[in-house]
Amino acid sequence: MSDCVLKTRRFGRWDARVTLGKLGLVVEFYDMEAENAPYGKFVNDYYVSTLLGNEYGAPISERYGLSLYGYSNGYNIRQPELTELSDWLTDIQARYEVI
């Protein structure tokens, strides 16, 4: 969890916050419906480059869903929000690309 949030956007119950990690941009996911967590409960984080696709897997825009917490039901982002997330992250990556 980073102190420097570059961008934030809500996707259903999830608050996605993009930060700058050691190896590039990171998107952190927070459950905004969690009890006793006014700023959301941290669930998971991913490198933006991983979600947008690399040599290890397809981009999230081509997937059915993204699990944020193992096999727990309810901790998933599904289409069409997944494509919206992909578009948003693609725009951010273009703006904040680290050289």
N, C-alpha and C. Protein backbone atom coordinates (compact mmCIF):
# COMPACT_ATOMS: atom_id res chain seq x y z
N MET A 1 0.84 -1.17 0.00
CA MET A 1 0.00 0.00 0.00
C MET A 1 0.89 1.24 0.00
N SER A 2 0.64 2.08 -0.95
CA SER A 2 1.50 3.24 -1.16
C SER A 2 0.87 4.52 -0.61
N ASP A 3 1.72 5.47 -0.29
CA ASP A 3 1.26 6.77 0.16
C ASP A 3 0.99 7.71 -1.01
N CYS A 4 1.55 7.42 -2.17
CA CYS A 4 1.44 8.30 -3.33
C CYS A 4 0.50 7.70 -4.36
N VAL A 5 -0.76 8.13 -4.36
CA VAL A 5 -1.75 7.64 -5.30
C VAL A 5 -1.80 8.58 -6.49
N LEU A 6 -1.59 8.01 -7.70
CA LEU A 6 -1.61 8.82 -8.91
C LEU A 6 -3.02 9.02 -9.44
N LYS A 7 -3.82 7.98 -9.43
CA LYS A 7 -5.20 8.03 -9.93
C LYS A 7 -6.06 7.06 -9.13
N THR A 8 -7.36 7.38 -9.05
CA THR A 8 -8.33 6.53 -8.37
C THR A 8 -9.61 6.47 -9.19
N ARG A 9 -10.22 5.28 -9.22
CA ARG A 9 -11.51 5.14 -9.91
C ARG A 9 -12.27 3.99 -9.27
N ARG A 10 -13.58 4.13 -9.25
CA ARG A 10 -14.45 3.11 -8.65
C ARG A 10 -14.98 2.17 -9.73
N PHE A 11 -14.93 0.87 -9.45
CA PHE A 11 -15.48 -0.16 -10.33
C PHE A 11 -16.39 -1.03 -9.48
N GLY A 12 -17.68 -0.70 -9.44
CA GLY A 12 -18.61 -1.43 -8.58
C GLY A 12 -18.23 -1.21 -7.13
N ARG A 13 -18.02 -2.30 -6.38
CA ARG A 13 -17.66 -2.19 -4.96
C ARG A 13 -16.19 -1.93 -4.75
N TRP A 14 -15.39 -1.97 -5.85
CA TRP A 14 -13.94 -1.86 -5.75
C TRP A 14 -13.44 -0.47 -6.06
N ASP A 15 -12.55 0.01 -5.23
CA ASP A 15 -11.84 1.26 -5.48
C ASP A 15 -10.47 0.86 -6.00
N ALA A 16 -10.13 1.28 -7.21
CA ALA A 16 -8.83 0.97 -7.81
C ALA A 16 -7.95 2.20 -7.68
N ARG A 17 -6.78 2.03 -7.10
CA ARG A 17 -5.84 3.14 -6.88
C ARG A 17 -4.52 2.80 -7.54
N VAL A 18 -4.08 3.66 -8.45
CA VAL A 18 -2.82 3.42 -9.15
C VAL A 18 -1.71 4.18 -8.44
N THR A 19 -0.63 3.44 -8.14
CA THR A 19 0.53 4.00 -7.45
C THR A 19 1.78 3.64 -8.25
N LEU A 20 2.90 4.21 -7.84
CA LEU A 20 4.17 3.89 -8.49
C LEU A 20 4.96 2.96 -7.58
N GLY A 21 5.16 1.73 -8.06
CA GLY A 21 5.93 0.73 -7.31
C GLY A 21 7.38 0.74 -7.74
N LYS A 22 8.17 -0.14 -7.15
CA LYS A 22 9.61 -0.22 -7.47
C LYS A 22 9.85 -0.59 -8.92
N LEU A 23 8.98 -1.42 -9.49
CA LEU A 23 9.19 -1.90 -10.86
C LEU A 23 8.17 -1.35 -11.86
N GLY A 24 7.44 -0.33 -11.47
CA GLY A 24 6.47 0.27 -12.39
C GLY A 24 5.16 0.58 -11.70
N LEU A 25 4.16 0.87 -12.50
CA LEU A 25 2.84 1.23 -11.98
C LEU A 25 2.15 0.02 -11.36
N VAL A 26 1.48 0.25 -10.24
CA VAL A 26 0.76 -0.80 -9.51
C VAL A 26 -0.67 -0.33 -9.32
N VAL A 27 -1.63 -1.24 -9.48
CA VAL A 27 -3.02 -0.92 -9.17
C VAL A 27 -3.39 -1.70 -7.92
N GLU A 28 -3.88 -0.97 -6.91
CA GLU A 28 -4.30 -1.55 -5.64
C GLU A 28 -5.82 -1.56 -5.60
N PHE A 29 -6.41 -2.65 -5.11
CA PHE A 29 -7.86 -2.77 -5.03
C PHE A 29 -8.31 -2.76 -3.58
N TYR A 30 -9.33 -1.96 -3.31
CA TYR A 30 -9.90 -1.81 -1.97
C TYR A 30 -11.38 -2.12 -2.01
N ASP A 31 -11.86 -2.89 -1.04
CA ASP A 31 -13.27 -3.21 -0.90
C ASP A 31 -13.94 -2.05 -0.17
N MET A 32 -14.76 -1.30 -0.89
CA MET A 32 -15.39 -0.12 -0.30
C MET A 32 -16.66 -0.46 0.47
N GLU A 33 -17.06 -1.73 0.46
CA GLU A 33 -18.24 -2.16 1.22
C GLU A 33 -17.86 -2.88 2.51
N ALA A 34 -16.56 -2.94 2.80
CA ALA A 34 -16.10 -3.61 4.02
C ALA A 34 -16.53 -2.82 5.26
N GLU A 35 -16.92 -3.53 6.29
CA GLU A 35 -17.32 -2.89 7.53
C GLU A 35 -16.11 -2.30 8.25
N ASN A 36 -16.33 -1.18 8.93
CA ASN A 36 -15.30 -0.53 9.75
C ASN A 36 -14.04 -0.16 8.96
N ALA A 37 -14.21 0.17 7.69
CA ALA A 37 -13.08 0.58 6.85
C ALA A 37 -13.53 1.75 5.98
N PRO A 38 -13.54 2.96 6.55
CA PRO A 38 -14.07 4.11 5.80
C PRO A 38 -13.33 4.42 4.51
N TYR A 39 -12.06 4.03 4.41
CA TYR A 39 -11.30 4.26 3.18
C TYR A 39 -11.14 2.98 2.37
N GLY A 40 -11.87 1.95 2.76
CA GLY A 40 -11.83 0.67 2.07
C GLY A 40 -10.83 -0.29 2.71
N LYS A 41 -11.09 -1.57 2.50
CA LYS A 41 -10.21 -2.63 3.00
C LYS A 41 -9.31 -3.09 1.86
N PHE A 42 -7.99 -3.03 2.07
CA PHE A 42 -7.05 -3.48 1.05
C PHE A 42 -7.30 -4.96 0.76
N VAL A 43 -7.38 -5.30 -0.54
CA VAL A 43 -7.63 -6.68 -0.94
C VAL A 43 -6.43 -7.26 -1.68
N ASN A 44 -5.94 -6.57 -2.71
CA ASN A 44 -4.84 -7.11 -3.50
C ASN A 44 -4.26 -6.01 -4.38
N ASP A 45 -3.09 -6.29 -4.95
CA ASP A 45 -2.50 -5.36 -5.91
C ASP A 45 -1.83 -6.14 -7.03
N TYR A 46 -1.73 -5.50 -8.19
CA TYR A 46 -1.11 -6.09 -9.36
C TYR A 46 -0.30 -5.01 -10.08
N TYR A 47 0.77 -5.43 -10.75
CA TYR A 47 1.44 -4.49 -11.64
C TYR A 47 0.54 -4.26 -12.84
N VAL A 48 0.42 -3.01 -13.25
CA VAL A 48 -0.41 -2.64 -14.39
C VAL A 48 0.03 -3.41 -15.63
N SER A 49 1.33 -3.54 -15.84
CA SER A 49 1.83 -4.24 -17.02
C SER A 49 1.38 -5.70 -17.05
N THR A 50 1.22 -6.32 -15.90
CA THR A 50 0.74 -7.70 -15.84
C THR A 50 -0.72 -7.78 -16.27
N LEU A 51 -1.54 -6.86 -15.78
CA LEU A 51 -2.96 -6.88 -16.13
C LEU A 51 -3.21 -6.53 -17.59
N LEU A 52 -2.35 -5.72 -18.17
CA LEU A 52 -2.54 -5.32 -19.56
C LEU A 52 -1.95 -6.33 -20.54
N GLY A 53 -1.33 -7.36 -20.02
CA GLY A 53 -0.82 -8.43 -20.86
C GLY A 53 0.67 -8.33 -21.06
N ASN A 54 1.31 -9.47 -20.99
CA ASN A 54 2.74 -9.56 -21.23
C ASN A 54 3.05 -10.97 -21.69
N GLU A 55 4.29 -11.35 -21.67
CA GLU A 55 4.67 -12.67 -22.15
C GLU A 55 4.10 -13.81 -21.31
N TYR A 56 3.55 -13.50 -20.14
CA TYR A 56 3.04 -14.52 -19.24
C TYR A 56 1.53 -14.71 -19.33
N GLY A 57 0.83 -13.83 -20.03
CA GLY A 57 -0.61 -13.99 -20.09
C GLY A 57 -1.30 -12.94 -20.93
N ALA A 58 -2.57 -13.19 -21.18
CA ALA A 58 -3.39 -12.30 -22.00
C ALA A 58 -3.83 -11.10 -21.18
N PRO A 59 -4.15 -10.00 -21.86
CA PRO A 59 -4.64 -8.82 -21.14
C PRO A 59 -6.01 -9.08 -20.51
N ILE A 60 -6.32 -8.34 -19.45
CA ILE A 60 -7.58 -8.55 -18.74
C ILE A 60 -8.79 -8.26 -19.62
N SER A 61 -8.64 -7.42 -20.64
CA SER A 61 -9.77 -7.12 -21.52
C SER A 61 -10.24 -8.36 -22.28
N GLU A 62 -9.39 -9.39 -22.39
CA GLU A 62 -9.74 -10.62 -23.09
C GLU A 62 -10.17 -11.74 -22.13
N ARG A 63 -10.26 -11.44 -20.86
CA ARG A 63 -10.61 -12.45 -19.87
C ARG A 63 -12.05 -12.29 -19.42
N TYR A 64 -12.58 -13.35 -18.84
CA TYR A 64 -13.94 -13.33 -18.31
C TYR A 64 -14.01 -12.61 -16.98
N GLY A 65 -12.98 -12.79 -16.15
CA GLY A 65 -12.98 -12.17 -14.84
C GLY A 65 -11.59 -12.12 -14.24
N LEU A 66 -11.47 -11.35 -13.18
CA LEU A 66 -10.21 -11.21 -12.45
C LEU A 66 -10.49 -11.46 -10.98
N SER A 67 -9.82 -12.46 -10.41
CA SER A 67 -9.98 -12.77 -9.00
C SER A 67 -9.07 -11.86 -8.18
N LEU A 68 -9.64 -11.19 -7.21
CA LEU A 68 -8.86 -10.29 -6.36
C LEU A 68 -8.40 -10.96 -5.07
N TYR A 69 -9.03 -12.08 -4.72
CA TYR A 69 -8.68 -12.73 -3.46
C TYR A 69 -8.88 -14.24 -3.58
N GLY A 70 -7.95 -14.89 -4.24
CA GLY A 70 -8.00 -16.34 -4.37
C GLY A 70 -9.31 -16.83 -4.94
N TYR A 71 -9.87 -17.82 -4.28
CA TYR A 71 -11.11 -18.42 -4.76
C TYR A 71 -12.33 -17.93 -3.99
N SER A 72 -12.23 -16.80 -3.33
CA SER A 72 -13.36 -16.27 -2.56
C SER A 72 -14.42 -15.70 -3.49
N ASN A 73 -15.64 -16.17 -3.33
CA ASN A 73 -16.74 -15.63 -4.11
C ASN A 73 -16.98 -14.18 -3.70
N GLY A 74 -17.32 -13.36 -4.66
CA GLY A 74 -17.58 -11.97 -4.38
C GLY A 74 -16.36 -11.07 -4.51
N TYR A 75 -15.20 -11.65 -4.59
CA TYR A 75 -13.97 -10.87 -4.73
C TYR A 75 -13.44 -10.98 -6.16
N ASN A 76 -14.31 -10.66 -7.11
CA ASN A 76 -13.98 -10.75 -8.52
C ASN A 76 -14.45 -9.49 -9.25
N ILE A 77 -13.75 -9.16 -10.31
CA ILE A 77 -14.21 -8.14 -11.24
C ILE A 77 -14.50 -8.87 -12.55
N ARG A 78 -15.69 -8.69 -13.08
CA ARG A 78 -16.11 -9.38 -14.29
C ARG A 78 -16.37 -8.36 -15.41
N GLN A 79 -16.59 -8.88 -16.60
CA GLN A 79 -16.96 -8.04 -17.73
C GLN A 79 -18.33 -7.44 -17.47
N PRO A 80 -18.65 -6.24 -17.90
CA PRO A 80 -17.86 -5.33 -18.73
C PRO A 80 -16.92 -4.42 -17.92
N GLU A 81 -16.99 -4.49 -16.56
CA GLU A 81 -16.11 -3.65 -15.75
C GLU A 81 -14.63 -3.95 -16.01
N LEU A 82 -14.32 -5.18 -16.37
CA LEU A 82 -12.94 -5.56 -16.63
C LEU A 82 -12.38 -4.83 -17.85
N THR A 83 -13.20 -4.68 -18.89
CA THR A 83 -12.76 -3.93 -20.07
C THR A 83 -12.62 -2.44 -19.73
N GLU A 84 -13.52 -1.91 -18.91
CA GLU A 84 -13.41 -0.52 -18.46
C GLU A 84 -12.12 -0.31 -17.67
N LEU A 85 -11.80 -1.26 -16.79
CA LEU A 85 -10.56 -1.21 -16.02
C LEU A 85 -9.35 -1.24 -16.95
N SER A 86 -9.37 -2.11 -17.95
CA SER A 86 -8.28 -2.21 -18.90
C SER A 86 -8.07 -0.91 -19.67
N ASP A 87 -9.16 -0.31 -20.14
CA ASP A 87 -9.07 0.96 -20.86
C ASP A 87 -8.48 2.05 -19.98
N TRP A 88 -8.95 2.11 -18.72
CA TRP A 88 -8.47 3.11 -17.78
C TRP A 88 -6.98 2.93 -17.49
N LEU A 89 -6.55 1.68 -17.27
CA LEU A 89 -5.14 1.41 -16.99
C LEU A 89 -4.25 1.68 -18.21
N THR A 90 -4.77 1.39 -19.40
CA THR A 90 -4.01 1.67 -20.62
C THR A 90 -3.74 3.16 -20.75
N ASP A 91 -4.75 3.98 -20.47
CA ASP A 91 -4.60 5.44 -20.52
C ASP A 91 -3.58 5.91 -19.48
N ILE A 92 -3.67 5.39 -18.28
CA ILE A 92 -2.74 5.78 -17.22
C ILE A 92 -1.30 5.37 -17.57
N GLN A 93 -1.15 4.15 -18.09
CA GLN A 93 0.18 3.68 -18.44
C GLN A 93 0.81 4.58 -19.51
N ALA A 94 0.01 5.03 -20.46
CA ALA A 94 0.53 5.92 -21.50
C ALA A 94 0.96 7.27 -20.92
N ARG A 95 0.23 7.75 -19.92
CA ARG A 95 0.54 9.06 -19.31
C ARG A 95 1.74 9.02 -18.37
N TYR A 96 1.89 7.90 -17.68
CA TYR A 96 2.92 7.82 -16.64
C TYR A 96 4.03 6.84 -16.98
N GLU A 97 4.19 6.53 -18.25
CA GLU A 97 5.20 5.56 -18.64
C GLU A 97 6.57 5.99 -18.13
N VAL A 98 7.22 5.09 -17.43
CA VAL A 98 8.54 5.36 -16.86
C VAL A 98 9.59 5.03 -17.89
N ILE A 99 10.49 5.97 -18.13
CA ILE A 99 11.55 5.77 -19.14
C ILE A 99 12.82 5.37 -18.44
